[in-house]
Amino acid sequence: MNPLPNVPGVGLVRDRLGEALFARVAGPDGPKQRDRIHGRPGPRWFAPDSAIAEVHGDAAMFVGGIRALLLQSLHPKAMRAVAEHSGYRGDMWGRLARTSTYLAVTTFGHEDDAQTAVDVVRRIHAGISGTMPDGEPYEASDPHLLTWVHCAEIDSFLLAHQTYGARRLDDDRRDEYVAQTAEVARRLGAHEPPTTYAELQERLAAYRPELRATPDAREAVSYVLYRPPLPLAARPAYGVLAAAAVGLMPVWSRPGLRLPWVPVAEQTVVRAAGAMAVGTIRWAMTPPERVAAS
């Protein structure tokens, strides 16, 4: 339904809010990228009505993206690679724009553009390597690490969608989503990514012995949750999304990352505030013609 359909000026408010959100997430090249992703004719990897398009096109991704960053930080090697080679401290929004563009291109873009995006990321990964504090080497192109990052990411996107999405996926649709994201992960170099929801949960459990909260992880979490590069006026809204993401983190992960656990509040106040925030974002970023038709 169209919220506040007869209130004068609502369309202008929606347009301005949607433009501001899009600029933050997509970066300065966002409009150009959007036109190419959605406007270039030709074959795509996935149909417009596919599960991956439904999940990645929903505003719940704002919560899922934050949760993915928190969960991914728990693998020491993956986090070390981010800490030593990522610009998240000085260029958080640039990194967000690159990630969101990659997801959009591989989900919605022309198949040639999608493959080009994958090839670019593979070349970047090939140049990232280093040494852990104990002297053990790491490489960003390691299929085992890539699979962890993939599993943590799609579990976060899916959980956020099932909690805050416009429409929950049924079991078959959920498996479809996991299988479709596996197609992209394999192209990126992941090792036998899961293709069903049950396999995804098994794989996440298998990684559990490798996971721990390192100083790098706690610094990254502190930066993402408490020091986002946002004006003061925007921080309360971001705080609601961050609280919603924390509320979806597994309980065992909280102590090491110094995350709060308040189950009653998370199921009531946080859940309600998160749903309102995601709903507002969904409304703001819905194209005017789709709002008019609803």
C-alpha atoms as a PDB file:
ATOM      1  CA  MET A   1       0.000   0.000   0.000  1.00  0.00           C
ATOM      2  CA  ASN A   2       1.015   3.587  -0.557  1.00  0.00           C
ATOM      3  CA  PRO A   3       1.750   5.171   2.867  1.00  0.00           C
ATOM      4  CA  LEU A   4       0.119   8.557   3.437  1.00  0.00           C
ATOM      5  CA  PRO A   5      -1.274   8.586  -0.128  1.00  0.00           C
ATOM      6  CA  ASN A   6      -3.252  11.816   0.117  1.00  0.00           C
ATOM      7  CA  VAL A   7      -0.909  13.958   2.183  1.00  0.00           C
ATOM      8  CA  PRO A   8       0.482  16.875   0.151  1.00  0.00           C
ATOM      9  CA  GLY A   9       4.260  16.864  -0.231  1.00  0.00           C
ATOM     10  CA  VAL A  10       4.712  13.226   0.751  1.00  0.00           C
ATOM     11  CA  GLY A  11       6.039  12.357  -2.704  1.00  0.00           C
ATOM     12  CA  LEU A  12       8.668  15.066  -2.462  1.00  0.00           C
ATOM     13  CA  VAL A  13       9.747  13.864   0.977  1.00  0.00           C
ATOM     14  CA  ARG A  14       9.986  10.301  -0.309  1.00  0.00           C
ATOM     15  CA  ASP A  15      12.033  11.360  -3.323  1.00  0.00           C
ATOM     16  CA  ARG A  16      14.490  13.421  -1.290  1.00  0.00           C
ATOM     17  CA  LEU A  17      14.934  10.745   1.352  1.00  0.00           C
ATOM     18  CA  GLY A  18      15.348   8.065  -1.300  1.00  0.00           C
ATOM     19  CA  GLU A  19      17.958  10.124  -3.147  1.00  0.00           C
ATOM     20  CA  ALA A  20      19.909  10.746   0.068  1.00  0.00           C
ATOM     21  CA  LEU A  21      19.917   7.056   0.984  1.00  0.00           C
ATOM     22  CA  PHE A  22      20.893   6.018  -2.523  1.00  0.00           C
ATOM     23  CA  ALA A  23      23.754   8.521  -2.586  1.00  0.00           C
ATOM     24  CA  ARG A  24      25.140   7.135   0.680  1.00  0.00           C
ATOM     25  CA  VAL A  25      24.901   3.507  -0.353  1.00  0.00           C
ATOM     26  CA  ALA A  26      25.787   3.714  -4.043  1.00  0.00           C
ATOM     27  CA  GLY A  27      28.335   6.545  -4.001  1.00  0.00           C
ATOM     28  CA  PRO A  28      28.853   9.382  -6.514  1.00  0.00           C
ATOM     29  CA  ASP A  29      28.712   7.024  -9.510  1.00  0.00           C
ATOM     30  CA  GLY A  30      25.471   5.476  -8.291  1.00  0.00           C
ATOM     31  CA  PRO A  31      23.085   6.939 -10.907  1.00  0.00           C
ATOM     32  CA  LYS A  32      25.396   5.966 -13.770  1.00  0.00           C
ATOM     33  CA  GLN A  33      25.848   2.465 -12.380  1.00  0.00           C
ATOM     34  CA  ARG A  34      22.112   2.085 -11.785  1.00  0.00           C
ATOM     35  CA  ASP A  35      21.287   3.035 -15.363  1.00  0.00           C
ATOM     36  CA  ARG A  36      23.733   0.478 -16.709  1.00  0.00           C
ATOM     37  CA  ILE A  37      22.743  -2.291 -14.283  1.00  0.00           C
ATOM     38  CA  HIS A  38      19.021  -2.014 -14.912  1.00  0.00           C
ATOM     39  CA  GLY A  39      18.976  -0.374 -18.333  1.00  0.00           C
ATOM     40  CA  ARG A  40      21.412  -2.405 -20.417  1.00  0.00           C
ATOM     41  CA  PRO A  41      19.411  -4.931 -22.439  1.00  0.00           C
ATOM     42  CA  GLY A  42      20.515  -8.537 -22.588  1.00  0.00           C
ATOM     43  CA  PRO A  43      20.697 -11.752 -20.579  1.00  0.00           C
ATOM     44  CA  ARG A  44      21.082 -11.790 -16.792  1.00  0.00           C
ATOM     45  CA  TRP A  45      22.330 -14.505 -14.463  1.00  0.00           C
ATOM     46  CA  PHE A  46      19.025 -14.396 -12.568  1.00  0.00           C
ATOM     47  CA  ALA A  47      15.400 -13.685 -13.461  1.00  0.00           C
ATOM     48  CA  PRO A  48      13.712 -10.538 -12.078  1.00  0.00           C
ATOM     49  CA  ASP A  49      11.325 -12.688 -10.031  1.00  0.00           C
ATOM     50  CA  SER A  50      14.055 -14.953  -8.616  1.00  0.00           C
ATOM     51  CA  ALA A  51      14.686 -15.364  -4.901  1.00  0.00           C
ATOM     52  CA  ILE A  52      18.068 -13.625  -5.061  1.00  0.00           C
ATOM     53  CA  ALA A  53      16.481 -10.594  -6.735  1.00  0.00           C
ATOM     54  CA  GLU A  54      13.765 -10.467  -4.077  1.00  0.00           C
ATOM     55  CA  VAL A  55      16.208 -10.616  -1.157  1.00  0.00           C
ATOM     56  CA  HIS A  56      18.873  -8.311  -2.566  1.00  0.00           C
ATOM     57  CA  GLY A  57      16.278  -5.797  -3.720  1.00  0.00           C
ATOM     58  CA  ASP A  58      14.627  -5.361  -0.320  1.00  0.00           C
ATOM     59  CA  ALA A  59      15.402  -2.694   2.279  1.00  0.00           C
ATOM     60  CA  ALA A  60      16.096  -5.396   4.878  1.00  0.00           C
ATOM     61  CA  MET A  61      19.549  -5.552   3.260  1.00  0.00           C
ATOM     62  CA  PHE A  62      20.471  -2.482   5.334  1.00  0.00           C
ATOM     63  CA  VAL A  63      20.182  -4.602   8.473  1.00  0.00           C
ATOM     64  CA  GLY A  64      21.631  -7.697   6.832  1.00  0.00           C
ATOM     65  CA  GLY A  65      24.682  -5.813   5.623  1.00  0.00           C
ATOM     66  CA  ILE A  66      25.581  -4.594   9.106  1.00  0.00           C
ATOM     67  CA  ARG A  67      25.016  -8.041  10.572  1.00  0.00           C
ATOM     68  CA  ALA A  68      27.250  -9.569   7.871  1.00  0.00           C
ATOM     69  CA  LEU A  69      30.114  -7.244   8.806  1.00  0.00           C
ATOM     70  CA  LEU A  70      29.786  -8.183  12.479  1.00  0.00           C
ATOM     71  CA  LEU A  71      29.636 -11.922  11.815  1.00  0.00           C
ATOM     72  CA  GLN A  72      32.428 -11.960   9.222  1.00  0.00           C
ATOM     73  CA  SER A  73      34.767 -10.230  11.674  1.00  0.00           C
ATOM     74  CA  LEU A  74      34.862 -13.382  13.820  1.00  0.00           C
ATOM     75  CA  HIS A  75      37.215 -15.225  11.472  1.00  0.00           C
ATOM     76  CA  PRO A  76      40.732 -14.052  12.454  1.00  0.00           C
ATOM     77  CA  LYS A  77      42.258 -14.435   8.984  1.00  0.00           C
ATOM     78  CA  ALA A  78      39.374 -12.769   7.179  1.00  0.00           C
ATOM     79  CA  MET A  79      39.396  -9.935   9.704  1.00  0.00           C
ATOM     80  CA  ARG A  80      43.172  -9.527   9.469  1.00  0.00           C
ATOM     81  CA  ALA A  81      42.906  -9.146   5.702  1.00  0.00           C
ATOM     82  CA  VAL A  82      40.243  -6.464   6.136  1.00  0.00           C
ATOM     83  CA  ALA A  83      42.207  -4.658   8.859  1.00  0.00           C
ATOM     84  CA  GLU A  84      45.429  -4.552   6.858  1.00  0.00           C
ATOM     85  CA  HIS A  85      44.102  -3.985   3.354  1.00  0.00           C
ATOM     86  CA  SER A  86      40.634  -2.435   3.567  1.00  0.00           C
ATOM     87  CA  GLY A  87      39.837   1.243   3.757  1.00  0.00           C
ATOM     88  CA  TYR A  88      36.945   0.828   6.169  1.00  0.00           C
ATOM     89  CA  ARG A  89      38.445   3.293   8.701  1.00  0.00           C
ATOM     90  CA  GLY A  90      39.016   6.157   6.293  1.00  0.00           C
ATOM     91  CA  ASP A  91      36.635   5.266   3.485  1.00  0.00           C
ATOM     92  CA  MET A  92      33.742   3.330   4.966  1.00  0.00           C
ATOM     93  CA  TRP A  93      31.210   4.738   2.509  1.00  0.00           C
ATOM     94  CA  GLY A  94      33.449   4.081  -0.469  1.00  0.00           C
ATOM     95  CA  ARG A  95      33.784   0.453   0.576  1.00  0.00           C
ATOM     96  CA  LEU A  96      30.022   0.229   1.116  1.00  0.00           C
ATOM     97  CA  ALA A  97      29.394   1.684  -2.352  1.00  0.00           C
ATOM     98  CA  ARG A  98      31.728  -0.838  -3.976  1.00  0.00           C
ATOM     99  CA  THR A  99      30.107  -3.727  -2.128  1.00  0.00           C
ATOM    100  CA  SER A 100      26.549  -2.637  -2.898  1.00  0.00           C
ATOM    101  CA  THR A 101      27.423  -2.089  -6.563  1.00  0.00           C
ATOM    102  CA  TYR A 102      28.970  -5.558  -6.765  1.00  0.00           C
ATOM    103  CA  LEU A 103      25.839  -7.130  -5.289  1.00  0.00           C
ATOM    104  CA  ALA A 104      23.589  -5.152  -7.622  1.00  0.00           C
ATOM    105  CA  VAL A 105      25.595  -5.986 -10.746  1.00  0.00           C
ATOM    106  CA  THR A 106      25.839  -9.705 -10.032  1.00  0.00           C
ATOM    107  CA  THR A 107      22.157  -9.907  -9.071  1.00  0.00           C
ATOM    108  CA  PHE A 108      20.489  -7.605 -11.585  1.00  0.00           C
ATOM    109  CA  GLY A 109      23.076  -6.670 -14.204  1.00  0.00           C
ATOM    110  CA  HIS A 110      23.874  -7.930 -17.689  1.00  0.00           C
ATOM    111  CA  GLU A 111      25.764 -11.226 -17.530  1.00  0.00           C
ATOM    112  CA  ASP A 112      28.887  -9.682 -19.100  1.00  0.00           C
ATOM    113  CA  ASP A 113      28.941  -6.893 -16.515  1.00  0.00           C
ATOM    114  CA  ALA A 114      28.357  -9.420 -13.739  1.00  0.00           C
ATOM    115  CA  GLN A 115      31.293 -11.537 -14.857  1.00  0.00           C
ATOM    116  CA  THR A 116      33.479  -8.446 -15.174  1.00  0.00           C
ATOM    117  CA  ALA A 117      32.618  -7.476 -11.590  1.00  0.00           C
ATOM    118  CA  VAL A 118      33.602 -10.947 -10.372  1.00  0.00           C
ATOM    119  CA  ASP A 119      36.860 -10.827 -12.335  1.00  0.00           C
ATOM    120  CA  VAL A 120      37.762  -7.449 -10.814  1.00  0.00           C
ATOM    121  CA  VAL A 121      37.221  -8.731  -7.276  1.00  0.00           C
ATOM    122  CA  ARG A 122      39.267 -11.861  -8.006  1.00  0.00           C
ATOM    123  CA  ARG A 123      42.176  -9.713  -9.208  1.00  0.00           C
ATOM    124  CA  ILE A 124      41.967  -7.598  -6.055  1.00  0.00           C
ATOM    125  CA  HIS A 125      41.946 -10.705  -3.853  1.00  0.00           C
ATOM    126  CA  ALA A 126      44.954 -12.123  -5.688  1.00  0.00           C
ATOM    127  CA  GLY A 127      47.029  -9.166  -4.489  1.00  0.00           C
ATOM    128  CA  ILE A 128      46.051  -9.397  -0.824  1.00  0.00           C
ATOM    129  CA  SER A 129      48.169 -11.519   1.494  1.00  0.00           C
ATOM    130  CA  GLY A 130      49.920 -11.159   4.817  1.00  0.00           C
ATOM    131  CA  THR A 131      50.908 -12.798   8.047  1.00  0.00           C
ATOM    132  CA  MET A 132      48.980 -13.457  11.211  1.00  0.00           C
ATOM    133  CA  PRO A 133      50.483 -12.439  14.592  1.00  0.00           C
ATOM    134  CA  ASP A 134      51.641 -16.051  15.096  1.00  0.00           C
ATOM    135  CA  GLY A 135      53.439 -16.044  11.747  1.00  0.00           C
ATOM    136  CA  GLU A 136      50.847 -18.064   9.822  1.00  0.00           C
ATOM    137  CA  PRO A 137      50.241 -16.660   6.319  1.00  0.00           C
ATOM    138  CA  TYR A 138      46.865 -15.713   4.922  1.00  0.00           C
ATOM    139  CA  GLU A 139      45.599 -14.952   1.414  1.00  0.00           C
ATOM    140  CA  ALA A 140      42.332 -13.241   0.520  1.00  0.00           C
ATOM    141  CA  SER A 141      41.979 -15.630  -2.429  1.00  0.00           C
ATOM    142  CA  ASP A 142      41.957 -18.680  -0.123  1.00  0.00           C
ATOM    143  CA  PRO A 143      38.802 -20.638  -1.118  1.00  0.00           C
ATOM    144  CA  HIS A 144      38.205 -21.587   2.529  1.00  0.00           C
ATOM    145  CA  LEU A 145      38.152 -17.925   3.608  1.00  0.00           C
ATOM    146  CA  LEU A 146      36.032 -16.918   0.632  1.00  0.00           C
ATOM    147  CA  THR A 147      33.503 -19.578   1.580  1.00  0.00           C
ATOM    148  CA  TRP A 148      33.335 -18.273   5.150  1.00  0.00           C
ATOM    149  CA  VAL A 149      32.753 -14.710   3.977  1.00  0.00           C
ATOM    150  CA  HIS A 150      30.078 -15.935   1.573  1.00  0.00           C
ATOM    151  CA  CYS A 151      28.270 -18.069   4.170  1.00  0.00           C
ATOM    152  CA  ALA A 152      28.307 -15.332   6.806  1.00  0.00           C
ATOM    153  CA  GLU A 153      27.039 -12.849   4.256  1.00  0.00           C
ATOM    154  CA  ILE A 154      24.123 -14.801   2.829  1.00  0.00           C
ATOM    155  CA  ASP A 155      23.075 -16.083   6.250  1.00  0.00           C
ATOM    156  CA  SER A 156      22.905 -12.450   7.380  1.00  0.00           C
ATOM    157  CA  PHE A 157      21.018 -11.268   4.304  1.00  0.00           C
ATOM    158  CA  LEU A 158      18.572 -14.143   4.576  1.00  0.00           C
ATOM    159  CA  LEU A 159      17.983 -13.792   8.317  1.00  0.00           C
ATOM    160  CA  ALA A 160      17.412 -10.056   7.961  1.00  0.00           C
ATOM    161  CA  HIS A 161      14.989 -10.669   5.110  1.00  0.00           C
ATOM    162  CA  GLN A 162      13.047 -13.290   7.049  1.00  0.00           C
ATOM    163  CA  THR A 163      12.836 -10.873   9.990  1.00  0.00           C
ATOM    164  CA  TYR A 164      12.364  -7.492   8.317  1.00  0.00           C
ATOM    165  CA  GLY A 165      11.670  -8.197   4.650  1.00  0.00           C
ATOM    166  CA  ALA A 166       8.476  -7.260   2.872  1.00  0.00           C
ATOM    167  CA  ARG A 167       7.609 -10.947   2.455  1.00  0.00           C
ATOM    168  CA  ARG A 168       9.157 -14.006   4.089  1.00  0.00           C
ATOM    169  CA  LEU A 169      10.502 -16.735   1.825  1.00  0.00           C
ATOM    170  CA  ASP A 170       9.025 -20.217   2.136  1.00  0.00           C
ATOM    171  CA  ASP A 171      11.371 -23.213   2.455  1.00  0.00           C
ATOM    172  CA  ASP A 172      11.683 -23.826  -1.289  1.00  0.00           C
ATOM    173  CA  ARG A 173      12.268 -20.166  -2.012  1.00  0.00           C
ATOM    174  CA  ARG A 174      14.864 -20.032   0.773  1.00  0.00           C
ATOM    175  CA  ASP A 175      16.772 -22.941  -0.788  1.00  0.00           C
ATOM    176  CA  GLU A 176      16.518 -21.219  -4.153  1.00  0.00           C
ATOM    177  CA  TYR A 177      18.196 -18.148  -2.693  1.00  0.00           C
ATOM    178  CA  VAL A 178      21.074 -20.141  -1.204  1.00  0.00           C
ATOM    179  CA  ALA A 179      21.597 -22.038  -4.479  1.00  0.00           C
ATOM    180  CA  GLN A 180      21.591 -18.861  -6.564  1.00  0.00           C
ATOM    181  CA  THR A 181      24.092 -17.075  -4.348  1.00  0.00           C
ATOM    182  CA  ALA A 182      26.281 -20.188  -4.562  1.00  0.00           C
ATOM    183  CA  GLU A 183      26.536 -19.655  -8.325  1.00  0.00           C
ATOM    184  CA  VAL A 184      28.153 -16.270  -7.747  1.00  0.00           C
ATOM    185  CA  ALA A 185      30.353 -17.552  -4.918  1.00  0.00           C
ATOM    186  CA  ARG A 186      31.761 -20.348  -7.088  1.00  0.00           C
ATOM    187  CA  ARG A 187      32.726 -17.852  -9.777  1.00  0.00           C
ATOM    188  CA  LEU A 188      34.493 -15.815  -7.104  1.00  0.00           C
ATOM    189  CA  GLY A 189      36.523 -18.816  -5.953  1.00  0.00           C
ATOM    190  CA  ALA A 190      34.620 -20.182  -2.956  1.00  0.00           C
ATOM    191  CA  HIS A 191      34.989 -23.901  -2.279  1.00  0.00           C
ATOM    192  CA  GLU A 192      31.777 -25.883  -2.749  1.00  0.00           C
ATOM    193  CA  PRO A 193      29.443 -23.219  -1.313  1.00  0.00           C
ATOM    194  CA  PRO A 194      26.207 -24.581   0.183  1.00  0.00           C
ATOM    195  CA  THR A 195      23.204 -24.866  -2.103  1.00  0.00           C
ATOM    196  CA  THR A 196      20.426 -25.390   0.474  1.00  0.00           C
ATOM    197  CA  TYR A 197      19.546 -23.677   3.724  1.00  0.00           C
ATOM    198  CA  ALA A 198      20.327 -26.846   5.685  1.00  0.00           C
ATOM    199  CA  GLU A 199      23.773 -27.051   4.067  1.00  0.00           C
ATOM    200  CA  LEU A 200      24.357 -23.378   4.894  1.00  0.00           C
ATOM    201  CA  GLN A 201      23.681 -23.975   8.584  1.00  0.00           C
ATOM    202  CA  GLU A 202      25.930 -27.051   8.583  1.00  0.00           C
ATOM    203  CA  ARG A 203      28.755 -25.105   6.980  1.00  0.00           C
ATOM    204  CA  LEU A 204      28.442 -22.238   9.457  1.00  0.00           C
ATOM    205  CA  ALA A 205      28.599 -24.734  12.320  1.00  0.00           C
ATOM    206  CA  ALA A 206      31.712 -26.314  10.800  1.00  0.00           C
ATOM    207  CA  TYR A 207      33.483 -22.937  10.870  1.00  0.00           C
ATOM    208  CA  ARG A 208      32.646 -22.369  14.534  1.00  0.00           C
ATOM    209  CA  PRO A 209      35.944 -23.802  15.948  1.00  0.00           C
ATOM    210  CA  GLU A 210      37.904 -21.298  13.829  1.00  0.00           C
ATOM    211  CA  LEU A 211      35.991 -18.253  15.027  1.00  0.00           C
ATOM    212  CA  ARG A 212      36.988 -15.895  17.790  1.00  0.00           C
ATOM    213  CA  ALA A 213      36.863 -12.209  18.592  1.00  0.00           C
ATOM    214  CA  THR A 214      40.322 -10.720  17.993  1.00  0.00           C
ATOM    215  CA  PRO A 215      41.387  -7.141  18.787  1.00  0.00           C
ATOM    216  CA  ASP A 216      41.003  -6.408  15.050  1.00  0.00           C
ATOM    217  CA  ALA A 217      37.423  -7.695  15.191  1.00  0.00           C
ATOM    218  CA  ARG A 218      36.527  -5.644  18.262  1.00  0.00           C
ATOM    219  CA  GLU A 219      37.981  -2.504  16.669  1.00  0.00           C
ATOM    220  CA  ALA A 220      36.002  -3.062  13.475  1.00  0.00           C
ATOM    221  CA  VAL A 221      32.787  -3.705  15.389  1.00  0.00           C
ATOM    222  CA  SER A 222      33.307  -0.592  17.490  1.00  0.00           C
ATOM    223  CA  TYR A 223      33.858   1.447  14.347  1.00  0.00           C
ATOM    224  CA  VAL A 224      30.810   0.058  12.535  1.00  0.00           C
ATOM    225  CA  LEU A 225      28.446   0.368  15.496  1.00  0.00           C
ATOM    226  CA  TYR A 226      29.625   3.404  17.406  1.00  0.00           C
ATOM    227  CA  ARG A 227      31.759   5.512  15.072  1.00  0.00           C
ATOM    228  CA  PRO A 228      30.055   5.579  11.683  1.00  0.00           C
ATOM    229  CA  PRO A 229      31.085   8.550   9.500  1.00  0.00           C
ATOM    230  CA  LEU A 230      27.657  10.144   9.685  1.00  0.00           C
ATOM    231  CA  PRO A 231      26.360  13.570  10.700  1.00  0.00           C
ATOM    232  CA  LEU A 232      24.903  13.665  14.198  1.00  0.00           C
ATOM    233  CA  ALA A 233      21.360  14.052  12.859  1.00  0.00           C
ATOM    234  CA  ALA A 234      21.596  10.746  10.979  1.00  0.00           C
ATOM    235  CA  ARG A 235      23.086   8.687  13.798  1.00  0.00           C
ATOM    236  CA  PRO A 236      19.843   7.858  15.668  1.00  0.00           C
ATOM    237  CA  ALA A 237      18.356   6.241  12.552  1.00  0.00           C
ATOM    238  CA  TYR A 238      21.583   4.359  11.899  1.00  0.00           C
ATOM    239  CA  GLY A 239      21.595   3.302  15.531  1.00  0.00           C
ATOM    240  CA  VAL A 240      18.200   1.651  15.078  1.00  0.00           C
ATOM    241  CA  LEU A 241      19.481  -0.347  12.095  1.00  0.00           C
ATOM    242  CA  ALA A 242      22.644  -1.279  14.007  1.00  0.00           C
ATOM    243  CA  ALA A 243      20.616  -2.401  17.030  1.00  0.00           C
ATOM    244  CA  ALA A 244      18.441  -4.520  14.740  1.00  0.00           C
ATOM    245  CA  ALA A 245      21.591  -6.120  13.281  1.00  0.00           C
ATOM    246  CA  VAL A 246      23.044  -6.824  16.729  1.00  0.00           C
ATOM    247  CA  GLY A 247      19.719  -8.387  17.704  1.00  0.00           C
ATOM    248  CA  LEU A 248      20.204 -10.957  14.926  1.00  0.00           C
ATOM    249  CA  MET A 249      23.701 -11.992  16.038  1.00  0.00           C
ATOM    250  CA  PRO A 250      24.071 -15.442  17.639  1.00  0.00           C
ATOM    251  CA  VAL A 251      24.244 -15.313  21.425  1.00  0.00           C
ATOM    252  CA  TRP A 252      27.626 -17.090  21.558  1.00  0.00           C
ATOM    253  CA  SER A 253      29.200 -14.274  19.538  1.00  0.00           C
ATOM    254  CA  ARG A 254      28.185 -11.440  21.868  1.00  0.00           C
ATOM    255  CA  PRO A 255      30.701 -11.628  24.761  1.00  0.00           C
ATOM    256  CA  GLY A 256      33.821 -11.679  22.587  1.00  0.00           C
ATOM    257  CA  LEU A 257      32.643  -8.790  20.436  1.00  0.00           C
ATOM    258  CA  ARG A 258      31.308  -6.945  23.503  1.00  0.00           C
ATOM    259  CA  LEU A 259      27.804  -6.847  22.102  1.00  0.00           C
ATOM    260  CA  PRO A 260      24.827  -6.509  24.428  1.00  0.00           C
ATOM    261  CA  TRP A 261      22.276  -9.270  24.886  1.00  0.00           C
ATOM    262  CA  VAL A 262      18.870  -8.116  26.087  1.00  0.00           C
ATOM    263  CA  PRO A 263      16.480 -10.770  24.744  1.00  0.00           C
ATOM    264  CA  VAL A 264      13.214  -9.213  25.877  1.00  0.00           C
ATOM    265  CA  ALA A 265      14.043  -5.784  24.450  1.00  0.00           C
ATOM    266  CA  GLU A 266      15.389  -7.317  21.239  1.00  0.00           C
ATOM    267  CA  GLN A 267      12.139  -9.167  20.651  1.00  0.00           C
ATOM    268  CA  THR A 268       9.960  -6.139  21.390  1.00  0.00           C
ATOM    269  CA  VAL A 269      11.392  -2.617  21.274  1.00  0.00           C
ATOM    270  CA  VAL A 270      14.324  -3.304  18.931  1.00  0.00           C
ATOM    271  CA  ARG A 271      12.249  -5.484  16.604  1.00  0.00           C
ATOM    272  CA  ALA A 272       9.492  -2.867  16.351  1.00  0.00           C
ATOM    273  CA  ALA A 273      11.921   0.011  15.806  1.00  0.00           C
ATOM    274  CA  GLY A 274      13.853  -2.005  13.234  1.00  0.00           C
ATOM    275  CA  ALA A 275      10.692  -2.860  11.322  1.00  0.00           C
ATOM    276  CA  MET A 276       9.693   0.803  11.275  1.00  0.00           C
ATOM    277  CA  ALA A 277      13.136   1.914  10.070  1.00  0.00           C
ATOM    278  CA  VAL A 278      13.308  -0.722   7.328  1.00  0.00           C
ATOM    279  CA  GLY A 279       9.754   0.056   6.268  1.00  0.00           C
ATOM    280  CA  THR A 280      10.591   3.746   5.973  1.00  0.00           C
ATOM    281  CA  ILE A 281      13.669   2.971   3.851  1.00  0.00           C
ATOM    282  CA  ARG A 282      11.627   0.638   1.635  1.00  0.00           C
ATOM    283  CA  TRP A 283       9.019   3.359   1.137  1.00  0.00           C
ATOM    284  CA  ALA A 284      11.633   6.037   0.443  1.00  0.00           C
ATOM    285  CA  MET A 285      13.486   3.959  -2.140  1.00  0.00           C
ATOM    286  CA  THR A 286      10.407   2.659  -3.965  1.00  0.00           C
ATOM    287  CA  PRO A 287      10.159   4.196  -7.456  1.00  0.00           C
ATOM    288  CA  PRO A 288       7.251   6.671  -7.677  1.00  0.00           C
ATOM    289  CA  GLU A 289       5.501   4.682 -10.417  1.00  0.00           C
ATOM    290  CA  ARG A 290       5.437   1.564  -8.198  1.00  0.00           C
ATOM    291  CA  VAL A 291       4.072   3.577  -5.256  1.00  0.00           C
ATOM    292  CA  ALA A 292       1.318   5.021  -7.444  1.00  0.00           C
ATOM    293  CA  ALA A 293       0.314   1.561  -8.599  1.00  0.00           C
ATOM    294  CA  SER A 294       0.151   0.122  -5.074  1.00  0.00           C
END
